[in-house]
Amino acid sequence: MQGWLVIPVSLLYLGLLFWIAWYGDKQRGWLAKWRPWIYSLSIAVYCTSWTFYGTVGQASSNPWSFLPIYIAPIIVFTLGWRILARLIIVAKREHITSIADFIAAR
């Protein structure tokens, strides 16, 4: 991809993400229908950023060190969804906006 094309494509992608977040806040019913897609995209973003910034360097020095970075979120999003749902309920009830607030509330 050409260098001059990266910035507009990135801005368009970020704009799309912000629009989805804004629309999801306004239309609660729409959000419930798309929840599996949101989780899928969340794990894709997580794995993509770690691919570029973490695992490539780790894999060059130790071939097996990159596996936990991918396996852990897959397990959390497939098997630990009840824990995530409970965390969300507590966060909404206590008006928690950060991990520090969550720890302080506990």
C-alpha atoms as a PDB file:
ATOM      1  CA  MET A   1       0.000   0.000   0.000  1.00  0.00           C
ATOM      2  CA  GLN A   2       1.278   3.448  -0.866  1.00  0.00           C
ATOM      3  CA  GLY A   3       2.314   5.681   2.025  1.00  0.00           C
ATOM      4  CA  TRP A   4      -0.046   8.504   1.059  1.00  0.00           C
ATOM      5  CA  LEU A   5      -2.984   6.070   1.105  1.00  0.00           C
ATOM      6  CA  VAL A   6      -2.386   4.755   4.636  1.00  0.00           C
ATOM      7  CA  ILE A   7      -3.473   7.948   6.447  1.00  0.00           C
ATOM      8  CA  PRO A   8      -6.862   8.405   4.699  1.00  0.00           C
ATOM      9  CA  VAL A   9      -7.668   4.704   5.025  1.00  0.00           C
ATOM     10  CA  SER A  10      -6.742   4.775   8.732  1.00  0.00           C
ATOM     11  CA  LEU A  11      -8.857   7.866   9.348  1.00  0.00           C
ATOM     12  CA  LEU A  12     -11.782   6.332   7.477  1.00  0.00           C
ATOM     13  CA  TYR A  13     -11.470   3.155   9.566  1.00  0.00           C
ATOM     14  CA  LEU A  14     -11.350   5.126  12.836  1.00  0.00           C
ATOM     15  CA  GLY A  15     -14.325   7.197  11.722  1.00  0.00           C
ATOM     16  CA  LEU A  16     -16.266   4.011  11.005  1.00  0.00           C
ATOM     17  CA  LEU A  17     -15.436   2.643  14.465  1.00  0.00           C
ATOM     18  CA  PHE A  18     -16.553   5.885  16.152  1.00  0.00           C
ATOM     19  CA  TRP A  19     -19.744   5.927  14.100  1.00  0.00           C
ATOM     20  CA  ILE A  20     -20.534   2.331  15.152  1.00  0.00           C
ATOM     21  CA  ALA A  21     -19.911   3.259  18.808  1.00  0.00           C
ATOM     22  CA  TRP A  22     -22.128   6.356  18.528  1.00  0.00           C
ATOM     23  CA  TYR A  23     -24.906   4.422  16.793  1.00  0.00           C
ATOM     24  CA  GLY A  24     -24.655   1.625  19.351  1.00  0.00           C
ATOM     25  CA  ASP A  25     -25.133   4.132  22.169  1.00  0.00           C
ATOM     26  CA  LYS A  26     -28.230   5.578  20.516  1.00  0.00           C
ATOM     27  CA  GLN A  27     -29.874   2.283  19.477  1.00  0.00           C
ATOM     28  CA  ARG A  28     -29.646  -0.234  22.335  1.00  0.00           C
ATOM     29  CA  GLY A  29     -31.594  -2.987  20.533  1.00  0.00           C
ATOM     30  CA  TRP A  30     -29.236  -2.887  17.572  1.00  0.00           C
ATOM     31  CA  LEU A  31     -26.273  -3.436  19.851  1.00  0.00           C
ATOM     32  CA  ALA A  32     -27.651  -6.688  21.307  1.00  0.00           C
ATOM     33  CA  LYS A  33     -28.019  -8.190  17.835  1.00  0.00           C
ATOM     34  CA  TRP A  34     -24.420  -7.386  16.892  1.00  0.00           C
ATOM     35  CA  ARG A  35     -22.759  -8.434  20.173  1.00  0.00           C
ATOM     36  CA  PRO A  36     -21.018 -11.559  18.710  1.00  0.00           C
ATOM     37  CA  TRP A  37     -19.517  -9.423  15.958  1.00  0.00           C
ATOM     38  CA  ILE A  38     -18.300  -6.866  18.471  1.00  0.00           C
ATOM     39  CA  TYR A  39     -16.506  -9.544  20.480  1.00  0.00           C
ATOM     40  CA  SER A  40     -15.022 -11.013  17.304  1.00  0.00           C
ATOM     41  CA  LEU A  41     -13.718  -7.640  16.167  1.00  0.00           C
ATOM     42  CA  SER A  42     -12.363  -6.946  19.661  1.00  0.00           C
ATOM     43  CA  ILE A  43     -10.273 -10.086  19.640  1.00  0.00           C
ATOM     44  CA  ALA A  44      -9.168  -9.354  16.077  1.00  0.00           C
ATOM     45  CA  VAL A  45      -7.921  -5.906  17.072  1.00  0.00           C
ATOM     46  CA  TYR A  46      -6.177  -7.352  20.127  1.00  0.00           C
ATOM     47  CA  CYS A  47      -4.422 -10.048  18.141  1.00  0.00           C
ATOM     48  CA  THR A  48      -3.538  -7.705  15.286  1.00  0.00           C
ATOM     49  CA  SER A  49      -1.878  -5.106  17.495  1.00  0.00           C
ATOM     50  CA  TRP A  50       0.070  -7.759  19.378  1.00  0.00           C
ATOM     51  CA  THR A  51       1.179  -9.285  16.093  1.00  0.00           C
ATOM     52  CA  PHE A  52       2.780  -6.042  15.008  1.00  0.00           C
ATOM     53  CA  TYR A  53       4.200  -4.915  18.321  1.00  0.00           C
ATOM     54  CA  GLY A  54       4.965  -8.005  20.339  1.00  0.00           C
ATOM     55  CA  THR A  55       4.897 -11.467  18.939  1.00  0.00           C
ATOM     56  CA  VAL A  56       7.130 -10.995  15.920  1.00  0.00           C
ATOM     57  CA  GLY A  57      10.079 -10.052  18.102  1.00  0.00           C
ATOM     58  CA  GLN A  58       9.283 -12.757  20.631  1.00  0.00           C
ATOM     59  CA  ALA A  59       8.957 -15.440  17.979  1.00  0.00           C
ATOM     60  CA  SER A  60      12.347 -14.558  16.552  1.00  0.00           C
ATOM     61  CA  SER A  61      14.061 -15.255  19.877  1.00  0.00           C
ATOM     62  CA  ASN A  62      11.787 -17.978  21.286  1.00  0.00           C
ATOM     63  CA  PRO A  63       9.476 -19.782  18.843  1.00  0.00           C
ATOM     64  CA  TRP A  64       6.868 -20.831  21.462  1.00  0.00           C
ATOM     65  CA  SER A  65       6.543 -17.595  23.456  1.00  0.00           C
ATOM     66  CA  PHE A  66       3.930 -16.051  21.164  1.00  0.00           C
ATOM     67  CA  LEU A  67       1.281 -18.743  21.702  1.00  0.00           C
ATOM     68  CA  PRO A  68      -0.082 -17.489  25.058  1.00  0.00           C
ATOM     69  CA  ILE A  69      -0.725 -14.069  23.522  1.00  0.00           C
ATOM     70  CA  TYR A  70      -3.161 -15.669  21.082  1.00  0.00           C
ATOM     71  CA  ILE A  71      -4.507 -18.563  23.126  1.00  0.00           C
ATOM     72  CA  ALA A  72      -5.453 -16.544  26.228  1.00  0.00           C
ATOM     73  CA  PRO A  73      -7.902 -14.108  24.545  1.00  0.00           C
ATOM     74  CA  ILE A  74      -9.434 -16.917  22.514  1.00  0.00           C
ATOM     75  CA  ILE A  75     -10.129 -18.838  25.727  1.00  0.00           C
ATOM     76  CA  VAL A  76     -11.479 -15.736  27.493  1.00  0.00           C
ATOM     77  CA  PHE A  77     -13.855 -14.803  24.683  1.00  0.00           C
ATOM     78  CA  THR A  78     -15.096 -18.342  24.077  1.00  0.00           C
ATOM     79  CA  LEU A  79     -15.173 -19.862  27.568  1.00  0.00           C
ATOM     80  CA  GLY A  80     -15.030 -16.875  29.900  1.00  0.00           C
ATOM     81  CA  TRP A  81     -17.902 -14.841  28.490  1.00  0.00           C
ATOM     82  CA  ARG A  82     -19.914 -15.234  31.700  1.00  0.00           C
ATOM     83  CA  ILE A  83     -17.106 -13.658  33.705  1.00  0.00           C
ATOM     84  CA  LEU A  84     -16.905 -10.787  31.227  1.00  0.00           C
ATOM     85  CA  ALA A  85     -20.676 -10.304  31.416  1.00  0.00           C
ATOM     86  CA  ARG A  86     -20.526 -10.202  35.213  1.00  0.00           C
ATOM     87  CA  LEU A  87     -17.702  -7.655  35.099  1.00  0.00           C
ATOM     88  CA  ILE A  88     -19.790  -5.477  32.808  1.00  0.00           C
ATOM     89  CA  ILE A  89     -22.792  -5.680  35.145  1.00  0.00           C
ATOM     90  CA  VAL A  90     -20.673  -4.673  38.150  1.00  0.00           C
ATOM     91  CA  ALA A  91     -19.034  -1.873  36.176  1.00  0.00           C
ATOM     92  CA  LYS A  92     -22.397  -0.433  35.134  1.00  0.00           C
ATOM     93  CA  ARG A  93     -23.871  -0.745  38.624  1.00  0.00           C
ATOM     94  CA  GLU A  94     -20.892   0.972  40.282  1.00  0.00           C
ATOM     95  CA  HIS A  95     -20.320   3.491  37.440  1.00  0.00           C
ATOM     96  CA  ILE A  96     -16.794   2.181  36.954  1.00  0.00           C
ATOM     97  CA  THR A  97     -14.773   3.555  34.055  1.00  0.00           C
ATOM     98  CA  SER A  98     -11.292   2.131  34.635  1.00  0.00           C
ATOM     99  CA  ILE A  99      -9.511  -0.875  36.066  1.00  0.00           C
ATOM    100  CA  ALA A 100      -8.338   1.248  39.002  1.00  0.00           C
ATOM    101  CA  ASP A 101     -11.971   2.137  39.815  1.00  0.00           C
ATOM    102  CA  PHE A 102     -12.911  -1.532  39.600  1.00  0.00           C
ATOM    103  CA  ILE A 103     -10.175  -2.576  42.011  1.00  0.00           C
ATOM    104  CA  ALA A 104     -11.089   0.248  44.402  1.00  0.00           C
ATOM    105  CA  ALA A 105     -14.768  -0.779  44.337  1.00  0.00           C
ATOM    106  CA  ARG A 106     -13.910  -4.329  45.303  1.00  0.00           C
END
